[in-house]
Amino acid sequence: MTSIQQYTRGQVSAVQFYRFWSGHVDALERHLSAKTWALAAVAVVVIVYPIARIMIPAILHGIVPEVVRSVLNLT
């Protein structure tokens, strides 16, 4: 076995991967305090909110044609 083979994932079914991931998430839930979860949630909101405020209008502006915007007065 080469050194890279021990780190690469073989053929794993979706069920096996789900069980593996679920076990890791369960371990996190058991060992992290409520303060840590709250801090993580605040960090996610602080990061995602400005990105969403910039990206959603930009995506809508790119998707919705100018004619529709003028009819709906979205400009």
Protein backbone atom coordinates (compact mmCIF):
# COMPACT_ATOMS: atom_id res chain seq x y z
CA MET A 1 0.00 0.00 0.00
CA THR A 2 1.38 3.37 -0.96
CA SER A 3 1.07 6.33 1.34
CA ILE A 4 -1.64 7.95 -0.79
CA GLN A 5 -3.82 4.82 -0.87
CA GLN A 6 -4.39 4.87 2.85
CA TYR A 7 -5.97 8.31 2.59
CA THR A 8 -8.08 7.84 -0.52
CA ARG A 9 -11.63 6.68 -0.18
CA GLY A 10 -12.56 3.44 -1.91
CA GLN A 11 -15.97 2.56 -3.25
CA VAL A 12 -18.35 3.68 -0.53
CA SER A 13 -22.10 3.50 -0.80
CA ALA A 14 -24.25 6.50 0.00
CA VAL A 15 -25.62 4.73 3.08
CA GLN A 16 -22.13 4.11 4.46
CA PHE A 17 -21.15 7.71 3.85
CA TYR A 18 -24.35 8.96 5.51
CA ARG A 19 -23.73 6.82 8.59
CA PHE A 20 -20.13 8.03 8.77
CA TRP A 21 -21.16 11.68 8.44
CA SER A 22 -24.05 11.27 10.86
CA GLY A 23 -21.70 9.81 13.45
CA HIS A 24 -19.41 12.81 13.17
CA VAL A 25 -22.29 15.27 13.48
CA ASP A 26 -23.67 13.41 16.48
CA ALA A 27 -20.25 13.58 18.14
CA LEU A 28 -20.14 17.33 17.52
CA GLU A 29 -23.60 17.80 18.98
CA ARG A 30 -22.67 15.91 22.12
CA HIS A 31 -19.40 17.71 22.78
CA LEU A 32 -20.08 21.33 21.85
CA SER A 33 -21.75 23.63 24.34
CA ALA A 34 -24.74 25.85 23.61
CA LYS A 35 -22.49 28.91 23.69
CA THR A 36 -20.29 27.40 20.98
CA TRP A 37 -23.31 26.63 18.80
CA ALA A 38 -24.64 30.17 19.30
CA LEU A 39 -21.27 31.64 18.39
CA ALA A 40 -21.11 29.48 15.28
CA ALA A 41 -24.63 30.55 14.27
CA VAL A 42 -23.77 34.22 14.71
CA ALA A 43 -20.60 33.76 12.66
CA VAL A 44 -22.57 32.10 9.86
CA VAL A 45 -25.15 34.91 9.83
CA VAL A 46 -22.44 37.60 9.83
CA ILE A 47 -20.77 35.95 6.84
CA VAL A 48 -23.87 34.95 4.84
CA TYR A 49 -26.02 38.08 5.28
CA PRO A 50 -23.81 40.55 3.35
CA ILE A 51 -23.13 37.99 0.65
CA ALA A 52 -26.85 37.37 0.22
CA ARG A 53 -27.58 41.11 0.18
CA ILE A 54 -25.13 41.51 -2.71
CA MET A 55 -25.59 38.26 -4.62
CA ILE A 56 -29.38 37.87 -4.71
CA PRO A 57 -30.02 41.22 -6.45
CA ALA A 58 -27.10 40.59 -8.83
CA ILE A 59 -28.44 37.15 -9.76
CA LEU A 60 -31.98 38.49 -10.22
CA HIS A 61 -30.64 41.35 -12.34
CA GLY A 62 -28.84 38.85 -14.55
CA ILE A 63 -31.76 36.44 -14.85
CA VAL A 64 -34.75 38.73 -15.23
CA PRO A 65 -34.83 40.44 -18.65
CA GLU A 66 -34.99 44.23 -18.87
CA VAL A 67 -38.50 44.11 -20.36
CA VAL A 68 -39.86 42.21 -17.37
CA ARG A 69 -38.14 44.59 -14.97
CA SER A 70 -39.64 47.59 -16.71
CA VAL A 71 -43.12 46.05 -16.64
CA LEU A 72 -42.82 45.03 -13.00
CA ASN A 73 -40.93 48.22 -12.17
CA LEU A 74 -38.09 46.31 -10.45
CA THR A 75 -35.34 48.70 -11.55
